Amino acid sequence: MEDPTFEEKIVMSFLSKHIHTVLLCAILLIGAVLRLYMIGPYQIFLGDEGRDVLVAYGILHGKLTLLGPTASVGGFFFGPIYYYMIAPFLWLAHYDPVGPAAMVALFATATIYLLYRVVKDIFSPAVGLVAAFLYATSSLLVTFSRSSWNPHVVPFFVLLTVLSLFSYIKKENKKWILLAGFFYGITFELHFVTLFFAAAVIAFIGYILWTRPLMAWIKKLIVAYLVFGAGFAVGISPIIAFELRHQFVNTRNIITFMFHSKDAGSGAQMIPTIVDVFTRIFTRGVLAFPEPVEFAHYAQWQLAVWNWSGIILGCAAVGLFLFLLVDVRKKNRETFLKYLFVALWLAFGVVGFGFYKKNIYEYYFEFLFPVSIMLSAGLFVYLWHVNRMLRLFIPCVIVGILVLNIFQLPFRYPPNNQVSQTKVIAQEVLNETNGKPYNFALITGGNSDYAYRYYLTIWGHPPVTIDNSIVDPERRTVTDQLLIVCESVPCSPLGYSLWEVAGFGRADIVSKTHLSVVDIYKLKHYTGPQ
């Protein structure tokens, strides 16, 4: 065998010194490709996404807002920070909705790096790399990060909050608590379910400041909470401004939902819910367990093995972690505190859902998936080190997890082309208006009309919204024509109870056009028998 050349020695020396950096860069590249590859044809673009870009378009044209997206339940609103985040990317993309989707993909890629940083600080660089790899290739997280939606950037700010707290442990400078409060404020604006994460942060700050006598601890605690609260207030300042201007209407709606809504008090029992959430953050986040709608594609024994594998993985990972938590307590205070925070993060996050009695969707867990992934990575690396026989088995397990996730990636199906399809339908609606004022309605099974309205707006000919008779007694907002897109085919638009149709009044059908998967109707006011 020939001796390596000088150039080969240089390369080998570089790799030996910077192997972790090289591997991390490779993981980040994989994560970016999985999130950005053909993102336009595959991105979701329905009512929520249309609403977001419509508001962002308004912001870019001077129509600022203090109100964010509406929650799926309860009648309250999140903060507007997400709208301001996507607005520059919408502008850079020349108002193509792919801009905000690409922003989410880029934030998700940066989240991979932040997770590596956090896990490296807690465990080791090797565990950080495995965690980053699992996060980068998780099919569920890849799917989440390929469409524009406010919950999908939550992990980025959660991990920034964690890194700020860890910096406070090292340096004991209150500016890090202030920064943690600010990053958490943005997190809270993005989605209120992260309140469970806040409970972990608050409890953790209380623990790390513990001192004797009791009054000294209370004084330190008050100062720390005030600093954290100041950062939090800056992070949610748009929400505060809106509440002050509108007599705290959002806060009152949240309180009503939590304590007086019938929906909030019905549903599953607490313990089964906690078990279900714990299971799902491992089976869905790590092992790519399929959604119920896909169960028909698998045998029952396959689903059972798959599900139990996730349960065993979760129990083993958490069991090992708790063992290490106890073991490190008297050895290294800084490491123990980091372990403790992860334990509180998991405990408050999972148990918190036990008090939530509505449907629990996977995107609610976006602040928890980093925990299930880092604990899984810690288990794999620990087993790899503890037993030589496992050094071949563990890489096979990781490769198996990779294969499971590859077969669940969104690319396994043809692209939905929702953006281009919406654009074509909106163009046909615009053609039917003949450049005259018009009203618009969408008859659908569960969508909203914002996606169509977005294109009609940026093309300079938005529909006129029909106001009720109290606001508009002279019916000036009712035009001479109504364009209806029927996504529920076949449909009968005449006499339909939807306000956009009913508010137009009695009408005749002038034309009907079938386009793609919809019917487009053009209506004019009823003129009587001809």
Protein backbone atom coordinates (compact mmCIF):
# COMPACT_ATOMS: atom_id res chain seq x y z
CA MET A 1 0.00 0.00 0.00
CA GLU A 2 1.39 3.38 -1.01
CA ASP A 3 2.09 6.04 1.57
CA PRO A 4 -0.39 8.93 1.53
CA THR A 5 0.63 11.97 -0.44
CA PHE A 6 1.25 15.34 1.20
CA GLU A 7 -2.19 16.58 0.09
CA GLU A 8 -3.89 13.47 1.49
CA LYS A 9 -2.07 13.97 4.81
CA ILE A 10 -3.36 17.55 4.95
CA VAL A 11 -6.94 16.39 4.35
CA MET A 12 -6.67 13.58 6.92
CA SER A 13 -5.21 15.96 9.49
CA PHE A 14 -7.98 18.46 8.90
CA LEU A 15 -10.69 15.80 9.20
CA SER A 16 -9.24 14.39 12.39
CA LYS A 17 -9.21 17.84 14.01
CA HIS A 18 -12.53 19.06 12.66
CA ILE A 19 -14.55 15.86 12.26
CA HIS A 20 -17.43 17.15 14.41
CA THR A 21 -17.62 20.36 12.38
CA VAL A 22 -17.58 18.44 9.11
CA LEU A 23 -20.31 16.06 10.31
CA LEU A 24 -22.42 18.93 11.65
CA CYS A 25 -22.16 20.78 8.34
CA ALA A 26 -23.19 17.60 6.50
CA ILE A 27 -26.20 17.19 8.80
CA LEU A 28 -27.21 20.83 8.30
CA LEU A 29 -26.92 20.37 4.54
CA ILE A 30 -29.12 17.26 4.66
CA GLY A 31 -31.65 19.08 6.82
CA ALA A 32 -31.72 22.08 4.46
CA VAL A 33 -32.14 19.92 1.35
CA LEU A 34 -35.00 17.92 2.89
CA ARG A 35 -36.76 21.15 3.86
CA LEU A 36 -36.16 23.21 0.71
CA TYR A 37 -36.29 20.61 -2.07
CA MET A 38 -39.31 21.39 -4.32
CA ILE A 39 -40.85 23.36 -1.46
CA GLY A 40 -43.13 25.37 -3.76
CA PRO A 41 -45.02 22.47 -5.40
CA TYR A 42 -45.39 20.62 -2.09
CA GLN A 43 -46.24 23.47 0.29
CA ILE A 44 -49.66 23.74 1.87
CA PHE A 45 -51.54 26.85 0.77
CA LEU A 46 -55.07 26.91 2.12
CA GLY A 47 -57.11 29.37 4.14
CA ASP A 48 -54.73 29.88 7.09
CA GLU A 49 -51.72 30.32 4.85
CA GLY A 50 -53.67 32.70 2.58
CA ARG A 51 -54.73 34.77 5.59
CA ASP A 52 -51.15 35.05 6.80
CA VAL A 53 -49.71 36.26 3.49
CA LEU A 54 -52.67 38.60 3.02
CA VAL A 55 -51.92 40.27 6.36
CA ALA A 56 -48.18 40.31 5.59
CA TYR A 57 -48.95 41.96 2.24
CA GLY A 58 -50.93 44.61 4.10
CA ILE A 59 -48.01 45.19 6.49
CA LEU A 60 -45.69 45.72 3.52
CA HIS A 61 -48.11 48.38 2.28
CA GLY A 62 -48.40 50.26 5.55
CA LYS A 63 -51.33 48.42 7.12
CA LEU A 64 -49.77 47.47 10.46
CA THR A 65 -51.52 45.18 12.92
CA LEU A 66 -51.35 44.27 16.61
CA LEU A 67 -53.43 41.12 16.14
CA GLY A 68 -52.07 37.73 15.14
CA PRO A 69 -53.60 34.50 13.83
CA THR A 70 -56.74 33.20 15.49
CA ALA A 71 -56.57 30.10 17.67
CA SER A 72 -58.37 27.00 16.46
CA VAL A 73 -60.52 27.05 19.61
CA GLY A 74 -61.66 29.64 22.13
CA GLY A 75 -62.12 32.68 19.89
CA PHE A 76 -58.85 34.37 20.91
CA PHE A 77 -55.80 35.48 18.94
CA PHE A 78 -52.05 34.93 19.07
CA GLY A 79 -49.57 37.77 18.76
CA PRO A 80 -48.71 39.29 15.37
CA ILE A 81 -44.97 38.55 15.48
CA TYR A 82 -45.28 35.82 12.85
CA TYR A 83 -46.80 38.25 10.36
CA TYR A 84 -43.86 40.60 10.76
CA MET A 85 -41.42 37.70 10.44
CA ILE A 86 -42.80 36.48 7.10
CA ALA A 87 -43.34 39.94 5.55
CA PRO A 88 -39.69 40.47 4.41
CA PHE A 89 -39.57 36.98 2.92
CA LEU A 90 -42.83 37.57 1.08
CA TRP A 91 -41.34 40.75 -0.38
CA LEU A 92 -38.09 39.01 -1.34
CA ALA A 93 -40.12 36.33 -3.16
CA HIS A 94 -42.03 39.03 -5.11
CA TYR A 95 -45.22 38.16 -3.19
CA ASP A 96 -45.00 34.46 -4.03
CA PRO A 97 -46.25 32.47 -0.97
CA VAL A 98 -43.16 30.27 -1.27
CA GLY A 99 -41.20 33.08 0.47
CA PRO A 100 -42.74 32.56 3.92
CA ALA A 101 -42.54 28.76 3.48
CA ALA A 102 -38.82 29.09 2.68
CA MET A 103 -38.43 31.24 5.81
CA VAL A 104 -39.88 28.45 7.95
CA ALA A 105 -37.54 25.94 6.27
CA LEU A 106 -34.53 28.17 6.99
CA PHE A 107 -35.55 28.65 10.63
CA ALA A 108 -36.01 24.88 10.91
CA THR A 109 -32.52 24.31 9.53
CA ALA A 110 -31.11 26.79 12.04
CA THR A 111 -33.05 24.91 14.74
CA ILE A 112 -30.98 21.80 13.93
CA TYR A 113 -27.85 23.77 14.81
CA LEU A 114 -29.40 25.18 18.00
CA LEU A 115 -30.40 21.68 19.08
CA TYR A 116 -26.82 20.54 18.53
CA ARG A 117 -25.60 23.43 20.71
CA VAL A 118 -28.06 22.65 23.50
CA VAL A 119 -27.42 18.90 23.50
CA LYS A 120 -23.66 19.40 23.28
CA ASP A 121 -23.84 21.61 26.40
CA ILE A 122 -25.90 19.03 28.28
CA PHE A 123 -24.30 15.77 27.18
CA SER A 124 -21.46 15.74 24.64
CA PRO A 125 -20.66 16.67 21.03
CA ALA A 126 -21.36 13.07 19.95
CA VAL A 127 -24.87 13.14 21.45
CA GLY A 128 -25.37 16.56 19.88
CA LEU A 129 -24.54 15.21 16.42
CA VAL A 130 -26.89 12.23 16.79
CA ALA A 131 -29.68 14.50 18.03
CA ALA A 132 -29.10 16.92 15.16
CA PHE A 133 -29.21 14.02 12.68
CA LEU A 134 -32.45 12.62 14.14
CA TYR A 135 -34.04 16.07 14.09
CA ALA A 136 -32.82 16.84 10.56
CA THR A 137 -34.27 13.59 9.15
CA SER A 138 -37.48 13.31 11.19
CA SER A 139 -40.21 13.00 8.55
CA LEU A 140 -42.79 14.73 10.75
CA LEU A 141 -40.52 17.71 11.44
CA VAL A 142 -39.48 17.88 7.79
CA THR A 143 -43.16 18.00 6.81
CA PHE A 144 -43.88 20.71 9.39
CA SER A 145 -40.98 22.86 8.20
CA ARG A 146 -42.01 22.91 4.52
CA SER A 147 -45.08 25.12 4.95
CA SER A 148 -45.67 28.54 6.43
CA TRP A 149 -47.44 28.39 9.81
CA ASN A 150 -46.76 30.11 13.12
CA PRO A 151 -46.24 26.95 15.29
CA HIS A 152 -43.48 25.69 13.00
CA VAL A 153 -40.90 28.26 14.19
CA VAL A 154 -41.62 27.63 17.88
CA PRO A 155 -38.67 25.20 18.38
CA PHE A 156 -36.18 27.85 17.22
CA PHE A 157 -37.18 30.30 19.95
CA VAL A 158 -37.62 27.58 22.57
CA LEU A 159 -34.01 26.53 22.05
CA LEU A 160 -32.82 30.16 22.17
CA THR A 161 -34.59 30.43 25.53
CA VAL A 162 -32.81 27.29 26.74
CA LEU A 163 -29.40 28.52 25.59
CA SER A 164 -29.99 31.83 27.40
CA LEU A 165 -30.80 29.99 30.64
CA PHE A 166 -27.69 27.83 30.27
CA SER A 167 -25.61 30.99 29.77
CA TYR A 168 -27.04 32.34 33.03
CA ILE A 169 -25.95 29.15 34.81
CA LYS A 170 -22.37 29.71 33.60
CA LYS A 171 -22.09 33.47 34.01
CA GLU A 172 -24.82 34.39 36.54
CA ASN A 173 -25.50 37.62 34.71
CA LYS A 174 -29.15 38.71 34.82
CA LYS A 175 -29.01 39.89 31.22
CA TRP A 176 -29.35 36.22 30.26
CA ILE A 177 -32.58 35.93 32.25
CA LEU A 178 -33.77 39.09 30.50
CA LEU A 179 -32.90 37.53 27.14
CA ALA A 180 -34.58 34.25 28.10
CA GLY A 181 -37.75 36.21 28.93
CA PHE A 182 -37.60 38.00 25.58
CA PHE A 183 -37.15 34.80 23.56
CA TYR A 184 -39.91 33.11 25.53
CA GLY A 185 -42.17 36.12 24.91
CA ILE A 186 -41.78 35.56 21.15
CA THR A 187 -42.41 31.84 21.69
CA PHE A 188 -45.61 32.62 23.58
CA GLU A 189 -46.74 34.98 20.83
CA LEU A 190 -46.34 32.21 18.30
CA HIS A 191 -48.50 29.73 20.22
CA PHE A 192 -50.04 29.81 23.69
CA VAL A 193 -49.62 26.05 24.24
CA THR A 194 -45.99 26.87 25.10
CA LEU A 195 -47.33 28.05 28.46
CA PHE A 196 -46.37 24.55 29.67
CA PHE A 197 -42.76 25.32 28.75
CA ALA A 198 -42.97 28.59 30.71
CA ALA A 199 -43.90 26.63 33.83
CA ALA A 200 -40.64 24.69 33.48
CA VAL A 201 -38.65 27.90 33.05
CA ILE A 202 -40.22 29.57 36.08
CA ALA A 203 -39.69 26.51 38.28
CA PHE A 204 -36.09 26.21 37.09
CA ILE A 205 -35.25 29.84 37.87
CA GLY A 206 -36.68 29.31 41.34
CA TYR A 207 -34.47 26.29 41.89
CA ILE A 208 -31.17 27.72 40.66
CA LEU A 209 -31.60 30.77 42.89
CA TRP A 210 -32.30 28.72 46.02
CA THR A 211 -30.35 29.95 49.01
CA ARG A 212 -30.68 30.28 52.76
CA PRO A 213 -32.18 32.07 54.62
CA LEU A 214 -35.63 31.99 53.07
CA MET A 215 -36.09 35.77 52.86
CA ALA A 216 -32.83 36.17 50.93
CA TRP A 217 -34.08 33.58 48.42
CA ILE A 218 -37.42 35.35 48.05
CA LYS A 219 -35.71 38.68 47.37
CA LYS A 220 -33.46 37.15 44.71
CA LEU A 221 -36.44 35.35 43.22
CA ILE A 222 -38.52 38.51 42.96
CA VAL A 223 -35.70 40.34 41.19
CA ALA A 224 -35.11 37.44 38.77
CA TYR A 225 -38.82 37.11 37.96
CA LEU A 226 -39.09 40.85 37.41
CA VAL A 227 -36.14 40.72 35.00
CA PHE A 228 -37.61 37.70 33.20
CA GLY A 229 -41.00 39.42 33.14
CA ALA A 230 -39.47 42.56 31.64
CA GLY A 231 -37.95 40.54 28.79
CA PHE A 232 -41.21 38.66 28.37
CA ALA A 233 -43.16 41.93 28.22
CA VAL A 234 -40.91 43.18 25.40
CA GLY A 235 -41.39 39.90 23.56
CA ILE A 236 -45.18 40.13 23.77
CA SER A 237 -45.37 43.93 23.52
CA PRO A 238 -47.71 43.83 20.49
CA ILE A 239 -50.16 41.70 22.48
CA ILE A 240 -49.94 44.09 25.43
CA ALA A 241 -50.55 47.09 23.14
CA PHE A 242 -53.60 45.40 21.59
CA GLU A 243 -55.04 44.46 24.99
CA LEU A 244 -54.62 47.96 26.36
CA ARG A 245 -56.40 49.42 23.32
CA HIS A 246 -59.28 46.91 23.43
CA GLN A 247 -60.05 46.51 27.14
CA PHE A 248 -58.23 43.16 27.40
CA VAL A 249 -60.75 41.42 25.15
CA ASN A 250 -58.28 38.68 24.19
CA THR A 251 -57.42 37.96 27.82
CA ARG A 252 -61.10 37.80 28.71
CA ASN A 253 -61.75 35.34 25.87
CA ILE A 254 -58.90 33.12 27.07
CA ILE A 255 -60.22 33.15 30.65
CA THR A 256 -63.73 32.37 29.42
CA PHE A 257 -62.45 29.45 27.38
CA MET A 258 -60.34 28.02 30.22
CA PHE A 259 -62.82 28.34 33.07
CA HIS A 260 -66.30 28.69 31.60
CA SER A 261 -66.30 26.94 28.21
CA LYS A 262 -68.06 23.58 28.08
CA ASP A 263 -65.51 22.44 25.52
CA ALA A 264 -62.60 23.10 27.86
CA GLY A 265 -63.94 20.79 30.53
CA SER A 266 -64.92 17.77 28.46
CA GLY A 267 -62.87 15.02 26.95
CA ALA A 268 -60.26 12.45 27.86
CA GLN A 269 -59.08 11.61 31.36
CA MET A 270 -55.83 13.06 32.60
CA ILE A 271 -53.63 9.94 32.93
CA PRO A 272 -54.51 8.42 29.52
CA THR A 273 -53.85 11.79 27.91
CA ILE A 274 -50.41 12.06 29.54
CA VAL A 275 -49.52 8.53 28.43
CA ASP A 276 -50.73 9.28 24.91
CA VAL A 277 -48.69 12.48 24.67
CA PHE A 278 -45.56 10.80 26.03
CA THR A 279 -45.93 7.97 23.53
CA ARG A 280 -46.55 10.25 20.54
CA ILE A 281 -43.53 12.50 21.05
CA PHE A 282 -41.34 9.41 20.61
CA THR A 283 -43.35 7.34 18.12
CA ARG A 284 -44.24 10.25 15.85
CA GLY A 285 -41.25 12.55 16.39
CA VAL A 286 -38.49 9.94 16.31
CA LEU A 287 -39.83 6.73 14.75
CA ALA A 288 -42.16 8.23 12.10
CA PHE A 289 -45.19 6.22 13.29
CA PRO A 290 -47.93 6.81 10.69
CA GLU A 291 -51.06 8.88 11.17
CA PRO A 292 -54.36 7.02 11.77
CA VAL A 293 -55.49 7.77 8.20
CA GLU A 294 -52.53 5.68 6.96
CA PHE A 295 -53.10 2.64 9.21
CA ALA A 296 -54.85 0.79 6.39
CA HIS A 297 -51.52 0.52 4.54
CA TYR A 298 -49.98 -1.60 7.32
CA ALA A 299 -50.75 -4.90 9.02
CA GLN A 300 -51.89 -4.77 12.63
CA TRP A 301 -48.75 -6.56 13.84
CA GLN A 302 -46.58 -3.97 12.08
CA LEU A 303 -48.39 -1.10 13.79
CA ALA A 304 -48.18 -2.87 17.15
CA VAL A 305 -44.42 -3.50 16.85
CA TRP A 306 -43.88 0.05 15.62
CA ASN A 307 -45.88 1.61 18.44
CA TRP A 308 -44.36 -0.55 21.17
CA SER A 309 -40.89 0.22 19.84
CA GLY A 310 -41.61 3.90 20.41
CA ILE A 311 -42.94 3.24 23.91
CA ILE A 312 -39.87 1.15 24.82
CA LEU A 313 -37.56 3.79 23.32
CA GLY A 314 -39.25 6.55 25.33
CA CYS A 315 -39.22 4.62 28.61
CA ALA A 316 -35.60 3.52 28.15
CA ALA A 317 -34.43 7.02 27.20
CA VAL A 318 -36.20 8.69 30.11
CA GLY A 319 -35.16 5.93 32.54
CA LEU A 320 -31.49 6.31 31.61
CA PHE A 321 -31.76 10.08 31.79
CA LEU A 322 -33.23 10.00 35.31
CA PHE A 323 -30.49 7.60 36.40
CA LEU A 324 -27.84 9.99 35.04
CA LEU A 325 -29.64 12.94 36.66
CA VAL A 326 -29.32 11.35 40.09
CA ASP A 327 -25.76 10.22 39.42
CA VAL A 328 -24.50 13.66 38.34
CA ARG A 329 -26.17 15.58 41.18
CA LYS A 330 -23.17 15.53 43.52
CA LYS A 331 -20.49 15.51 40.80
CA ASN A 332 -21.08 18.69 38.79
CA ARG A 333 -23.59 21.37 39.71
CA GLU A 334 -23.67 23.02 36.28
CA THR A 335 -24.30 19.73 34.48
CA PHE A 336 -26.90 18.72 37.07
CA LEU A 337 -28.78 21.98 36.57
CA LYS A 338 -28.90 21.41 32.80
CA TYR A 339 -30.16 17.87 33.33
CA LEU A 340 -32.73 19.19 35.77
CA PHE A 341 -34.05 21.72 33.28
CA VAL A 342 -34.55 19.01 30.64
CA ALA A 343 -36.45 16.95 33.23
CA LEU A 344 -38.69 19.92 34.06
CA TRP A 345 -39.15 20.68 30.35
CA LEU A 346 -40.36 17.13 29.70
CA ALA A 347 -42.43 16.82 32.88
CA PHE A 348 -44.30 20.14 32.64
CA GLY A 349 -44.76 19.73 28.89
CA VAL A 350 -46.23 16.23 29.01
CA VAL A 351 -48.22 16.57 32.23
CA GLY A 352 -49.54 19.97 31.15
CA PHE A 353 -51.44 18.35 28.31
CA GLY A 354 -53.28 16.27 30.90
CA PHE A 355 -55.22 19.42 31.79
CA TYR A 356 -56.07 20.15 28.15
CA LYS A 357 -59.33 18.44 27.20
CA LYS A 358 -59.65 19.25 23.51
CA ASN A 359 -58.12 17.39 20.58
CA ILE A 360 -54.33 17.37 20.82
CA TYR A 361 -52.57 17.73 17.48
CA GLU A 362 -48.96 16.89 16.67
CA TYR A 363 -47.97 20.49 16.01
CA TYR A 364 -48.76 21.22 19.68
CA PHE A 365 -45.68 19.12 20.50
CA GLU A 366 -43.20 21.23 18.55
CA PHE A 367 -41.76 22.61 21.78
CA LEU A 368 -41.40 19.03 23.11
CA PHE A 369 -39.89 17.19 20.13
CA PRO A 370 -36.38 18.51 20.88
CA VAL A 371 -36.59 16.74 24.26
CA SER A 372 -37.70 13.35 22.91
CA ILE A 373 -35.02 13.53 20.23
CA MET A 374 -32.17 14.56 22.57
CA LEU A 375 -33.08 11.84 25.10
CA SER A 376 -33.19 9.23 22.32
CA ALA A 377 -29.79 10.40 21.07
CA GLY A 378 -28.40 10.23 24.61
CA LEU A 379 -29.63 6.65 24.97
CA PHE A 380 -28.05 5.57 21.68
CA VAL A 381 -24.65 7.11 22.43
CA TYR A 382 -24.63 5.77 26.00
CA LEU A 383 -25.39 2.22 24.85
CA TRP A 384 -22.75 2.53 22.13
CA HIS A 385 -20.13 3.39 24.74
CA VAL A 386 -21.21 1.00 27.48
CA ASN A 387 -21.00 -2.26 25.56
CA ARG A 388 -18.78 -3.31 22.67
CA MET A 389 -21.42 -5.71 21.33
CA LEU A 390 -23.79 -2.78 20.91
CA ARG A 391 -21.36 -0.77 18.78
CA LEU A 392 -22.65 -2.51 15.67
CA PHE A 393 -26.27 -2.72 16.82
CA ILE A 394 -26.77 0.97 17.63
CA PRO A 395 -25.71 2.25 14.17
CA CYS A 396 -28.12 -0.32 12.67
CA VAL A 397 -30.92 1.09 14.86
CA ILE A 398 -30.15 4.65 13.73
CA VAL A 399 -30.08 3.53 10.09
CA GLY A 400 -33.41 1.75 10.65
CA ILE A 401 -34.92 4.94 12.08
CA LEU A 402 -33.59 6.83 9.06
CA VAL A 403 -35.26 4.33 6.70
CA LEU A 404 -38.58 4.61 8.55
CA ASN A 405 -38.46 8.38 8.21
CA ILE A 406 -37.40 8.31 4.56
CA PHE A 407 -40.49 6.28 3.68
CA GLN A 408 -42.69 8.83 5.48
CA LEU A 409 -41.27 11.94 3.79
CA PRO A 410 -43.79 14.06 1.83
CA PHE A 411 -41.95 13.34 -1.42
CA ARG A 412 -43.44 9.84 -1.54
CA TYR A 413 -46.58 11.41 -3.01
CA PRO A 414 -46.92 13.62 -6.09
CA PRO A 415 -46.84 17.37 -5.27
CA ASN A 416 -50.17 18.98 -4.34
CA ASN A 417 -49.42 22.14 -6.36
CA GLN A 418 -51.84 24.06 -4.15
CA VAL A 419 -50.21 27.42 -4.85
CA SER A 420 -50.33 27.12 -8.64
CA GLN A 421 -53.83 25.62 -8.52
CA THR A 422 -55.12 28.47 -6.35
CA LYS A 423 -53.48 30.96 -8.67
CA VAL A 424 -55.15 29.47 -11.77
CA ILE A 425 -58.58 29.45 -10.12
CA ALA A 426 -58.17 33.04 -8.89
CA GLN A 427 -57.17 34.11 -12.40
CA GLU A 428 -60.36 32.60 -13.83
CA VAL A 429 -62.43 34.41 -11.20
CA LEU A 430 -60.71 37.65 -12.17
CA ASN A 431 -61.43 37.03 -15.85
CA GLU A 432 -65.12 36.52 -15.09
CA THR A 433 -65.39 39.91 -13.39
CA ASN A 434 -64.66 41.81 -16.65
CA GLY A 435 -62.78 44.38 -14.56
CA LYS A 436 -65.93 45.46 -12.67
CA PRO A 437 -66.59 45.47 -8.91
CA TYR A 438 -67.68 42.08 -7.58
CA ASN A 439 -68.44 40.10 -4.45
CA PHE A 440 -66.80 36.76 -3.81
CA ALA A 441 -67.69 33.57 -1.94
CA LEU A 442 -66.20 30.13 -1.37
CA ILE A 443 -68.37 27.07 -0.80
CA THR A 444 -66.20 24.39 0.76
CA GLY A 445 -66.10 21.61 3.29
CA GLY A 446 -63.57 23.18 5.66
CA ASN A 447 -61.37 25.71 3.91
CA SER A 448 -61.60 29.51 3.91
CA ASP A 449 -61.36 31.93 0.99
CA TYR A 450 -58.20 33.83 2.03
CA ALA A 451 -55.89 32.00 -0.40
CA TYR A 452 -58.02 33.13 -3.36
CA ARG A 453 -58.49 36.60 -1.91
CA TYR A 454 -54.73 36.94 -1.61
CA TYR A 455 -54.15 36.67 -5.35
CA LEU A 456 -57.19 38.77 -6.17
CA THR A 457 -55.79 41.45 -3.85
CA ILE A 458 -52.18 41.52 -5.06
CA TRP A 459 -53.43 41.65 -8.66
CA GLY A 460 -55.13 44.92 -7.83
CA HIS A 461 -58.77 43.88 -8.07
CA PRO A 462 -59.88 42.58 -4.64
CA PRO A 463 -63.51 41.57 -4.06
CA VAL A 464 -65.89 43.86 -2.18
CA THR A 465 -66.83 42.41 1.22
CA ILE A 466 -70.56 42.55 1.93
CA ASP A 467 -71.35 44.25 5.24
CA ASN A 468 -74.47 43.52 7.25
CA SER A 469 -77.50 45.81 7.09
CA ILE A 470 -76.58 47.62 10.32
CA VAL A 471 -73.18 48.70 8.98
CA ASP A 472 -74.39 49.13 5.41
CA PRO A 473 -78.16 49.93 5.42
CA GLU A 474 -78.02 51.17 1.83
CA ARG A 475 -76.27 47.97 0.63
CA ARG A 476 -73.47 49.86 -1.06
CA THR A 477 -71.12 46.91 -0.50
CA VAL A 478 -73.36 44.68 -2.63
CA THR A 479 -72.15 44.81 -6.24
CA ASP A 480 -73.87 43.72 -9.45
CA GLN A 481 -72.11 40.35 -9.61
CA LEU A 482 -71.10 37.54 -7.29
CA LEU A 483 -68.37 35.06 -8.14
CA ILE A 484 -68.54 31.75 -6.28
CA VAL A 485 -65.87 29.06 -6.17
CA CYS A 486 -67.33 25.65 -5.25
CA GLU A 487 -64.72 23.28 -3.84
CA SER A 488 -67.52 20.94 -2.81
CA VAL A 489 -68.58 19.59 -6.20
CA PRO A 490 -71.39 19.32 -7.09
CA CYS A 491 -72.95 22.28 -5.28
CA SER A 492 -76.09 24.41 -5.58
CA PRO A 493 -75.13 28.03 -4.85
CA LEU A 494 -78.62 29.53 -5.20
CA GLY A 495 -80.14 30.04 -1.76
CA TYR A 496 -76.99 28.89 0.02
CA SER A 497 -76.90 29.98 3.68
CA LEU A 498 -73.28 31.25 3.64
CA TRP A 499 -73.32 35.01 4.40
CA GLU A 500 -71.26 35.94 1.33
CA VAL A 501 -74.00 34.28 -0.77
CA ALA A 502 -77.08 35.10 1.30
CA GLY A 503 -75.99 38.72 1.75
CA PHE A 504 -75.89 39.18 -2.03
CA GLY A 505 -79.64 38.52 -2.17
CA ARG A 506 -81.79 36.61 -4.61
CA ALA A 507 -79.83 35.84 -7.75
CA ASP A 508 -79.68 34.03 -11.08
CA ILE A 509 -76.78 31.95 -12.38
CA VAL A 510 -75.20 33.64 -15.39
CA SER A 511 -72.45 31.11 -16.08
CA LYS A 512 -70.74 28.02 -14.70
CA THR A 513 -67.13 27.02 -15.42
CA HIS A 514 -65.45 23.80 -14.34
CA LEU A 515 -61.75 24.31 -13.67
CA SER A 516 -59.35 21.85 -12.07
CA VAL A 517 -61.22 20.48 -9.04
CA VAL A 518 -63.75 23.31 -8.62
CA ASP A 519 -66.79 24.85 -10.24
CA ILE A 520 -66.88 28.64 -10.67
CA TYR A 521 -70.32 30.28 -10.75
CA LYS A 522 -71.12 33.80 -11.79
CA LEU A 523 -74.35 35.21 -10.32
CA LYS A 524 -76.30 38.39 -10.95
CA HIS A 525 -79.27 39.82 -9.12
CA TYR A 526 -82.64 38.24 -9.83
CA THR A 527 -84.63 40.30 -12.32
CA GLY A 528 -87.84 38.27 -12.39
CA PRO A 529 -89.33 36.09 -15.15
CA GLN A 530 -88.06 36.98 -18.61
